[in-house]
Amino acid sequence: MDSEFRPNPETNPEDITPSNNPQESFPKKYPVQHILKGSRKAIINTMHTLHVVGYAEISEWTPLQPTGLPGEFITMMTKYLTLG
């Protein structure tokens, strides 16, 4: 019964993604999380820059949250990259 719960050493956890089922013919997608932390103005400027270059939509970022330090905020976004 213990053998049912032992990890398979041939399975790389980094290769397991929602679109990485061997029965599917979809390419592998790998998550990468982006975190912006700083002043509200700097974060918004960076978000708009990434939008202008076509990397991220503004709506993909979480709402700005205060970090607890005066004037500092944080936001994050996860992108799924198709790698060959």
PDB file of N, CA and C in Angstrom:
ATOM      1  N   MET A   1       0.812  -1.186   0.000  1.00  0.00           N
ATOM      2  CA  MET A   1       0.000   0.000   0.000  1.00  0.00           C
ATOM      3  C   MET A   1       0.866   1.264   0.000  1.00  0.00           C
ATOM      4  N   ASP A   2       2.019   1.234   0.699  1.00  0.00           N
ATOM      5  CA  ASP A   2       2.907   2.395   0.705  1.00  0.00           C
ATOM      6  C   ASP A   2       3.423   2.729  -0.681  1.00  0.00           C
ATOM      7  N   SER A   3       3.569   1.711  -1.533  1.00  0.00           N
ATOM      8  CA  SER A   3       4.118   1.958  -2.863  1.00  0.00           C
ATOM      9  C   SER A   3       3.199   2.840  -3.695  1.00  0.00           C
ATOM     10  N   GLU A   4       1.931   2.933  -3.340  1.00  0.00           N
ATOM     11  CA  GLU A   4       0.994   3.784  -4.076  1.00  0.00           C
ATOM     12  C   GLU A   4       1.316   5.261  -3.883  1.00  0.00           C
ATOM     13  N   PHE A   5       1.985   5.605  -2.788  1.00  0.00           N
ATOM     14  CA  PHE A   5       2.221   7.000  -2.459  1.00  0.00           C
ATOM     15  C   PHE A   5       3.663   7.425  -2.634  1.00  0.00           C
ATOM     16  N   ARG A   6       4.513   6.545  -3.132  1.00  0.00           N
ATOM     17  CA  ARG A   6       5.909   6.899  -3.354  1.00  0.00           C
ATOM     18  C   ARG A   6       6.037   7.702  -4.651  1.00  0.00           C
ATOM     19  N   PRO A   7       6.853   8.771  -4.639  1.00  0.00           N
ATOM     20  CA  PRO A   7       7.023   9.552  -5.871  1.00  0.00           C
ATOM     21  C   PRO A   7       7.781   8.762  -6.931  1.00  0.00           C
ATOM     22  N   ASN A   8       7.449   9.016  -8.151  1.00  0.00           N
ATOM     23  CA  ASN A   8       8.120   8.376  -9.273  1.00  0.00           C
ATOM     24  C   ASN A   8       9.362   9.197  -9.596  1.00  0.00           C
ATOM     25  N   PRO A   9      10.581   8.637  -9.446  1.00  0.00           N
ATOM     26  CA  PRO A   9      11.805   9.422  -9.700  1.00  0.00           C
ATOM     27  C   PRO A   9      11.957   9.830 -11.163  1.00  0.00           C
ATOM     28  N   GLU A  10      11.210   9.209 -12.063  1.00  0.00           N
ATOM     29  CA  GLU A  10      11.307   9.560 -13.479  1.00  0.00           C
ATOM     30  C   GLU A  10      10.421  10.752 -13.824  1.00  0.00           C
ATOM     31  N   THR A  11       9.602  11.178 -12.892  1.00  0.00           N
ATOM     32  CA  THR A  11       8.706  12.307 -13.125  1.00  0.00           C
ATOM     33  C   THR A  11       9.323  13.559 -12.546  1.00  0.00           C
ATOM     34  N   ASN A  12       9.556  14.535 -13.376  1.00  0.00           N
ATOM     35  CA  ASN A  12      10.112  15.812 -12.945  1.00  0.00           C
ATOM     36  C   ASN A  12       8.950  16.736 -12.615  1.00  0.00           C
ATOM     37  N   PRO A  13       8.816  17.183 -11.352  1.00  0.00           N
ATOM     38  CA  PRO A  13       7.689  18.057 -10.999  1.00  0.00           C
ATOM     39  C   PRO A  13       7.618  19.325 -11.833  1.00  0.00           C
ATOM     40  N   GLU A  14       8.751  19.812 -12.330  1.00  0.00           N
ATOM     41  CA  GLU A  14       8.728  21.031 -13.141  1.00  0.00           C
ATOM     42  C   GLU A  14       8.087  20.792 -14.491  1.00  0.00           C
ATOM     43  N   ASP A  15       8.045  19.544 -14.942  1.00  0.00           N
ATOM     44  CA  ASP A  15       7.439  19.234 -16.229  1.00  0.00           C
ATOM     45  C   ASP A  15       5.951  18.949 -16.120  1.00  0.00           C
ATOM     46  N   ILE A  16       5.426  18.909 -14.903  1.00  0.00           N
ATOM     47  CA  ILE A  16       4.006  18.622 -14.727  1.00  0.00           C
ATOM     48  C   ILE A  16       3.247  19.940 -14.694  1.00  0.00           C
ATOM     49  N   THR A  17       2.499  20.203 -15.719  1.00  0.00           N
ATOM     50  CA  THR A  17       1.682  21.398 -15.809  1.00  0.00           C
ATOM     51  C   THR A  17       0.306  20.986 -16.287  1.00  0.00           C
ATOM     52  N   PRO A  18      -0.691  21.860 -16.152  1.00  0.00           N
ATOM     53  CA  PRO A  18      -2.035  21.479 -16.593  1.00  0.00           C
ATOM     54  C   PRO A  18      -2.101  21.025 -18.052  1.00  0.00           C
ATOM     55  N   SER A  19      -1.218  21.524 -18.895  1.00  0.00           N
ATOM     56  CA  SER A  19      -1.239  21.172 -20.311  1.00  0.00           C
ATOM     57  C   SER A  19      -0.158  20.159 -20.665  1.00  0.00           C
ATOM     58  N   ASN A  20       0.313  19.382 -19.694  1.00  0.00           N
ATOM     59  CA  ASN A  20       1.414  18.475 -19.950  1.00  0.00           C
ATOM     60  C   ASN A  20       0.996  17.011 -19.801  1.00  0.00           C
ATOM     61  N   ASN A  21      -0.222  16.704 -20.103  1.00  0.00           N
ATOM     62  CA  ASN A  21      -0.700  15.337 -20.050  1.00  0.00           C
ATOM     63  C   ASN A  21      -0.220  14.623 -21.309  1.00  0.00           C
ATOM     64  N   PRO A  22       0.471  13.459 -21.186  1.00  0.00           N
ATOM     65  CA  PRO A  22       1.009  12.773 -22.370  1.00  0.00           C
ATOM     66  C   PRO A  22      -0.061  12.419 -23.408  1.00  0.00           C
ATOM     67  N   GLN A  23      -1.309  12.287 -22.974  1.00  0.00           N
ATOM     68  CA  GLN A  23      -2.370  11.962 -23.927  1.00  0.00           C
ATOM     69  C   GLN A  23      -2.765  13.174 -24.776  1.00  0.00           C
ATOM     70  N   GLU A  24      -2.406  14.370 -24.312  1.00  0.00           N
ATOM     71  CA  GLU A  24      -2.753  15.581 -25.051  1.00  0.00           C
ATOM     72  C   GLU A  24      -1.650  15.920 -26.042  1.00  0.00           C
ATOM     73  N   SER A  25      -2.034  16.542 -27.130  1.00  0.00           N
ATOM     74  CA  SER A  25      -1.040  16.930 -28.129  1.00  0.00           C
ATOM     75  C   SER A  25      -0.688  18.412 -28.016  1.00  0.00           C
ATOM     76  N   PHE A  26      -0.929  19.014 -26.860  1.00  0.00           N
ATOM     77  CA  PHE A  26      -0.628  20.421 -26.646  1.00  0.00           C
ATOM     78  C   PHE A  26       0.832  20.572 -26.223  1.00  0.00           C
ATOM     79  N   PRO A  27       1.457  21.687 -26.564  1.00  0.00           N
ATOM     80  CA  PRO A  27       2.842  21.905 -26.121  1.00  0.00           C
ATOM     81  C   PRO A  27       2.888  22.120 -24.606  1.00  0.00           C
ATOM     82  N   LYS A  28       4.044  21.848 -24.014  1.00  0.00           N
ATOM     83  CA  LYS A  28       4.222  22.043 -22.582  1.00  0.00           C
ATOM     84  C   LYS A  28       4.212  23.528 -22.270  1.00  0.00           C
ATOM     85  N   LYS A  29       3.583  23.879 -21.175  1.00  0.00           N
ATOM     86  CA  LYS A  29       3.572  25.261 -20.713  1.00  0.00           C
ATOM     87  C   LYS A  29       4.184  25.302 -19.326  1.00  0.00           C
ATOM     88  N   TYR A  30       5.093  26.247 -19.141  1.00  0.00           N
ATOM     89  CA  TYR A  30       5.812  26.380 -17.890  1.00  0.00           C
ATOM     90  C   TYR A  30       5.439  27.706 -17.237  1.00  0.00           C
ATOM     91  N   PRO A  31       5.041  27.674 -15.961  1.00  0.00           N
ATOM     92  CA  PRO A  31       4.661  28.920 -15.293  1.00  0.00           C
ATOM     93  C   PRO A  31       5.881  29.718 -14.847  1.00  0.00           C
ATOM     94  N   VAL A  32       5.756  31.018 -14.926  1.00  0.00           N
ATOM     95  CA  VAL A  32       6.761  31.927 -14.370  1.00  0.00           C
ATOM     96  C   VAL A  32       5.983  33.056 -13.690  1.00  0.00           C
ATOM     97  N   GLN A  33       6.335  33.328 -12.442  1.00  0.00           N
ATOM     98  CA  GLN A  33       5.618  34.351 -11.691  1.00  0.00           C
ATOM     99  C   GLN A  33       6.453  35.622 -11.631  1.00  0.00           C
ATOM    100  N   HIS A  34       5.798  36.731 -11.950  1.00  0.00           N
ATOM    101  CA  HIS A  34       6.441  38.041 -11.900  1.00  0.00           C
ATOM    102  C   HIS A  34       5.881  38.794 -10.699  1.00  0.00           C
ATOM    103  N   ILE A  35       6.765  39.382  -9.933  1.00  0.00           N
ATOM    104  CA  ILE A  35       6.363  40.155  -8.761  1.00  0.00           C
ATOM    105  C   ILE A  35       6.966  41.550  -8.880  1.00  0.00           C
ATOM    106  N   LEU A  36       6.101  42.554  -8.766  1.00  0.00           N
ATOM    107  CA  LEU A  36       6.556  43.947  -8.756  1.00  0.00           C
ATOM    108  C   LEU A  36       6.327  44.494  -7.357  1.00  0.00           C
ATOM    109  N   LYS A  37       7.352  45.100  -6.798  1.00  0.00           N
ATOM    110  CA  LYS A  37       7.271  45.650  -5.449  1.00  0.00           C
ATOM    111  C   LYS A  37       7.982  46.987  -5.453  1.00  0.00           C
ATOM    112  N   GLY A  38       7.291  48.026  -5.000  1.00  0.00           N
ATOM    113  CA  GLY A  38       7.875  49.358  -4.971  1.00  0.00           C
ATOM    114  C   GLY A  38       6.796  50.402  -4.803  1.00  0.00           C
ATOM    115  N   SER A  39       7.092  51.620  -5.245  1.00  0.00           N
ATOM    116  CA  SER A  39       6.102  52.686  -5.133  1.00  0.00           C
ATOM    117  C   SER A  39       4.971  52.442  -6.129  1.00  0.00           C
ATOM    118  N   ARG A  40       3.807  52.964  -5.817  1.00  0.00           N
ATOM    119  CA  ARG A  40       2.645  52.815  -6.699  1.00  0.00           C
ATOM    120  C   ARG A  40       2.973  53.337  -8.100  1.00  0.00           C
ATOM    121  N   LYS A  41       3.626  54.484  -8.187  1.00  0.00           N
ATOM    122  CA  LYS A  41       3.939  55.090  -9.477  1.00  0.00           C
ATOM    123  C   LYS A  41       4.892  54.208 -10.295  1.00  0.00           C
ATOM    124  N   ALA A  42       5.929  53.666  -9.657  1.00  0.00           N
ATOM    125  CA  ALA A  42       6.892  52.821 -10.364  1.00  0.00           C
ATOM    126  C   ALA A  42       6.247  51.518 -10.837  1.00  0.00           C
ATOM    127  N   ILE A  43       5.393  50.935 -10.007  1.00  0.00           N
ATOM    128  CA  ILE A  43       4.722  49.696 -10.389  1.00  0.00           C
ATOM    129  C   ILE A  43       3.791  49.930 -11.579  1.00  0.00           C
ATOM    130  N   ILE A  44       2.988  50.964 -11.510  1.00  0.00           N
ATOM    131  CA  ILE A  44       2.056  51.255 -12.608  1.00  0.00           C
ATOM    132  C   ILE A  44       2.814  51.544 -13.891  1.00  0.00           C
ATOM    133  N   ASN A  45       3.919  52.281 -13.792  1.00  0.00           N
ATOM    134  CA  ASN A  45       4.747  52.553 -14.967  1.00  0.00           C
ATOM    135  C   ASN A  45       5.280  51.253 -15.571  1.00  0.00           C
ATOM    136  N   THR A  46       5.750  50.336 -14.743  1.00  0.00           N
ATOM    137  CA  THR A  46       6.279  49.058 -15.220  1.00  0.00           C
ATOM    138  C   THR A  46       5.183  48.213 -15.850  1.00  0.00           C
ATOM    139  N   MET A  47       4.011  48.193 -15.233  1.00  0.00           N
ATOM    140  CA  MET A  47       2.878  47.443 -15.793  1.00  0.00           C
ATOM    141  C   MET A  47       2.525  47.964 -17.187  1.00  0.00           C
ATOM    142  N   HIS A  48       2.485  49.285 -17.340  1.00  0.00           N
ATOM    143  CA  HIS A  48       2.155  49.883 -18.641  1.00  0.00           C
ATOM    144  C   HIS A  48       3.260  49.610 -19.667  1.00  0.00           C
ATOM    145  N   THR A  49       4.513  49.633 -19.239  1.00  0.00           N
ATOM    146  CA  THR A  49       5.623  49.326 -20.148  1.00  0.00           C
ATOM    147  C   THR A  49       5.511  47.891 -20.660  1.00  0.00           C
ATOM    148  N   LEU A  50       5.244  46.950 -19.772  1.00  0.00           N
ATOM    149  CA  LEU A  50       5.094  45.548 -20.182  1.00  0.00           C
ATOM    150  C   LEU A  50       3.878  45.359 -21.087  1.00  0.00           C
ATOM    151  N   HIS A  51       2.862  46.180 -20.893  1.00  0.00           N
ATOM    152  CA  HIS A  51       1.689  46.134 -21.770  1.00  0.00           C
ATOM    153  C   HIS A  51       2.030  46.670 -23.171  1.00  0.00           C
ATOM    154  N   VAL A  52       2.742  47.794 -23.214  1.00  0.00           N
ATOM    155  CA  VAL A  52       3.093  48.425 -24.498  1.00  0.00           C
ATOM    156  C   VAL A  52       3.955  47.495 -25.357  1.00  0.00           C
ATOM    157  N   VAL A  53       4.871  46.757 -24.730  1.00  0.00           N
ATOM    158  CA  VAL A  53       5.727  45.858 -25.509  1.00  0.00           C
ATOM    159  C   VAL A  53       5.024  44.532 -25.832  1.00  0.00           C
ATOM    160  N   GLY A  54       3.784  44.389 -25.378  1.00  0.00           N
ATOM    161  CA  GLY A  54       2.991  43.211 -25.731  1.00  0.00           C
ATOM    162  C   GLY A  54       3.215  42.000 -24.851  1.00  0.00           C
ATOM    163  N   TYR A  55       3.802  42.190 -23.678  1.00  0.00           N
ATOM    164  CA  TYR A  55       4.086  41.046 -22.812  1.00  0.00           C
ATOM    165  C   TYR A  55       2.933  40.721 -21.863  1.00  0.00           C
ATOM    166  N   ALA A  56       2.279  41.744 -21.320  1.00  0.00           N
ATOM    167  CA  ALA A  56       1.249  41.489 -20.313  1.00  0.00           C
ATOM    168  C   ALA A  56       0.134  42.516 -20.390  1.00  0.00           C
ATOM    169  N   GLU A  57      -1.066  42.034 -20.216  1.00  0.00           N
ATOM    170  CA  GLU A  57      -2.221  42.924 -20.115  1.00  0.00           C
ATOM    171  C   GLU A  57      -2.284  43.468 -18.688  1.00  0.00           C
ATOM    172  N   ILE A  58      -2.782  44.662 -18.538  1.00  0.00           N
ATOM    173  CA  ILE A  58      -2.916  45.260 -17.212  1.00  0.00           C
ATOM    174  C   ILE A  58      -3.805  44.381 -16.332  1.00  0.00           C
ATOM    175  N   SER A  59      -4.832  43.801 -16.916  1.00  0.00           N
ATOM    176  CA  SER A  59      -5.786  42.982 -16.153  1.00  0.00           C
ATOM    177  C   SER A  59      -5.175  41.676 -15.631  1.00  0.00           C
ATOM    178  N   GLU A  60      -4.003  41.290 -16.115  1.00  0.00           N
ATOM    179  CA  GLU A  60      -3.361  40.056 -15.650  1.00  0.00           C
ATOM    180  C   GLU A  60      -2.713  40.212 -14.272  1.00  0.00           C
ATOM    181  N   TRP A  61      -2.467  41.430 -13.852  1.00  0.00           N
ATOM    182  CA  TRP A  61      -1.818  41.690 -12.571  1.00  0.00           C
ATOM    183  C   TRP A  61      -2.846  41.677 -11.446  1.00  0.00           C
ATOM    184  N   THR A  62      -2.414  41.246 -10.260  1.00  0.00           N
ATOM    185  CA  THR A  62      -3.289  41.316  -9.100  1.00  0.00           C
ATOM    186  C   THR A  62      -3.429  42.785  -8.697  1.00  0.00           C
ATOM    187  N   PRO A  63      -4.492  43.116  -7.954  1.00  0.00           N
ATOM    188  CA  PRO A  63      -4.620  44.503  -7.479  1.00  0.00           C
ATOM    189  C   PRO A  63      -3.432  44.870  -6.586  1.00  0.00           C
ATOM    190  N   LEU A  64      -3.035  46.133  -6.657  1.00  0.00           N
ATOM    191  CA  LEU A  64      -1.942  46.606  -5.802  1.00  0.00           C
ATOM    192  C   LEU A  64      -2.327  46.459  -4.339  1.00  0.00           C
ATOM    193  N   GLN A  65      -1.408  45.926  -3.553  1.00  0.00           N
ATOM    194  CA  GLN A  65      -1.620  45.746  -2.117  1.00  0.00           C
ATOM    195  C   GLN A  65      -0.484  46.410  -1.362  1.00  0.00           C
ATOM    196  N   PRO A  66      -0.785  47.091  -0.262  1.00  0.00           N
ATOM    197  CA  PRO A  66       0.299  47.665   0.544  1.00  0.00           C
ATOM    198  C   PRO A  66       1.113  46.547   1.201  1.00  0.00           C
ATOM    199  N   THR A  67       2.413  46.761   1.336  1.00  0.00           N
ATOM    200  CA  THR A  67       3.283  45.745   1.939  1.00  0.00           C
ATOM    201  C   THR A  67       3.414  45.917   3.450  1.00  0.00           C
ATOM    202  N   GLY A  68       3.004  47.051   3.948  1.00  0.00           N
ATOM    203  CA  GLY A  68       3.209  47.344   5.367  1.00  0.00           C
ATOM    204  C   GLY A  68       4.292  48.382   5.578  1.00  0.00           C
ATOM    205  N   LEU A  69       5.119  48.586   4.553  1.00  0.00           N
ATOM    206  CA  LEU A  69       6.120  49.652   4.603  1.00  0.00           C
ATOM    207  C   LEU A  69       5.506  50.899   3.976  1.00  0.00           C
ATOM    208  N   PRO A  70       5.751  52.059   4.531  1.00  0.00           N
ATOM    209  CA  PRO A  70       5.158  53.285   3.998  1.00  0.00           C
ATOM    210  C   PRO A  70       5.488  53.503   2.515  1.00  0.00           C
ATOM    211  N   GLY A  71       4.460  53.675   1.710  1.00  0.00           N
ATOM    212  CA  GLY A  71       4.627  53.970   0.290  1.00  0.00           C
ATOM    213  C   GLY A  71       4.995  52.786  -0.581  1.00  0.00           C
ATOM    214  N   GLU A  72       5.049  51.579  -0.017  1.00  0.00           N
ATOM    215  CA  GLU A  72       5.441  50.405  -0.802  1.00  0.00           C
ATOM    216  C   GLU A  72       4.225  49.514  -1.074  1.00  0.00           C
ATOM    217  N   PHE A  73       4.151  49.042  -2.332  1.00  0.00           N
ATOM    218  CA  PHE A  73       3.057  48.188  -2.760  1.00  0.00           C
ATOM    219  C   PHE A  73       3.624  46.965  -3.470  1.00  0.00           C
ATOM    220  N   ILE A  74       2.766  45.967  -3.675  1.00  0.00           N
ATOM    221  CA  ILE A  74       3.172  44.741  -4.365  1.00  0.00           C
ATOM    222  C   ILE A  74       2.036  44.276  -5.269  1.00  0.00           C
ATOM    223  N   THR A  75       2.405  43.680  -6.387  1.00  0.00           N
ATOM    224  CA  THR A  75       1.450  43.052  -7.297  1.00  0.00           C
ATOM    225  C   THR A  75       2.170  41.871  -7.942  1.00  0.00           C
ATOM    226  N   MET A  76       1.405  40.918  -8.451  1.00  0.00           N
ATOM    227  CA  MET A  76       2.043  39.781  -9.121  1.00  0.00           C
ATOM    228  C   MET A  76       1.194  39.284 -10.275  1.00  0.00           C
ATOM    229  N   MET A  77       1.848  38.487 -11.134  1.00  0.00           N
ATOM    230  CA  MET A  77       1.201  37.934 -12.315  1.00  0.00           C
ATOM    231  C   MET A  77       1.919  36.635 -12.657  1.00  0.00           C
ATOM    232  N   THR A  78       1.169  35.662 -13.126  1.00  0.00           N
ATOM    233  CA  THR A  78       1.766  34.399 -13.587  1.00  0.00           C
ATOM    234  C   THR A  78       1.550  34.282 -15.092  1.00  0.00           C
ATOM    235  N   LYS A  79       2.631  34.062 -15.813  1.00  0.00           N
ATOM    236  CA  LYS A  79       2.580  33.813 -17.248  1.00  0.00           C
ATOM    237  C   LYS A  79       2.889  32.342 -17.467  1.00  0.00           C
ATOM    238  N   TYR A  80       2.326  31.772 -18.512  1.00  0.00           N
ATOM    239  CA  TYR A  80       2.620  30.386 -18.886  1.00  0.00           C
ATOM    240  C   TYR A  80       3.335  30.415 -20.218  1.00  0.00           C
ATOM    241  N   LEU A  81       4.596  30.013 -20.205  1.00  0.00           N
ATOM    242  CA  LEU A  81       5.435  30.080 -21.391  1.00  0.00           C
ATOM    243  C   LEU A  81       5.523  28.715 -22.060  1.00  0.00           C
ATOM    244  N   THR A  82       5.436  28.701 -23.371  1.00  0.00           N
ATOM    245  CA  THR A  82       5.633  27.474 -24.136  1.00  0.00           C
ATOM    246  C   THR A  82       7.099  27.405 -24.506  1.00  0.00           C
ATOM    247  N   LEU A  83       7.776  26.390 -24.010  1.00  0.00           N
ATOM    248  CA  LEU A  83       9.212  26.235 -24.266  1.00  0.00           C
ATOM    249  C   LEU A  83       9.451  24.977 -25.066  1.00  0.00           C
ATOM    250  N   GLY A  84      10.394  25.025 -25.972  1.00  0.00           N
ATOM    251  CA  GLY A  84      10.680  23.890 -26.839  1.00  0.00           C
ATOM    252  C   GLY A  84      11.555  22.850 -26.245  1.00  0.00           C
TER     253      GLY A  84
END
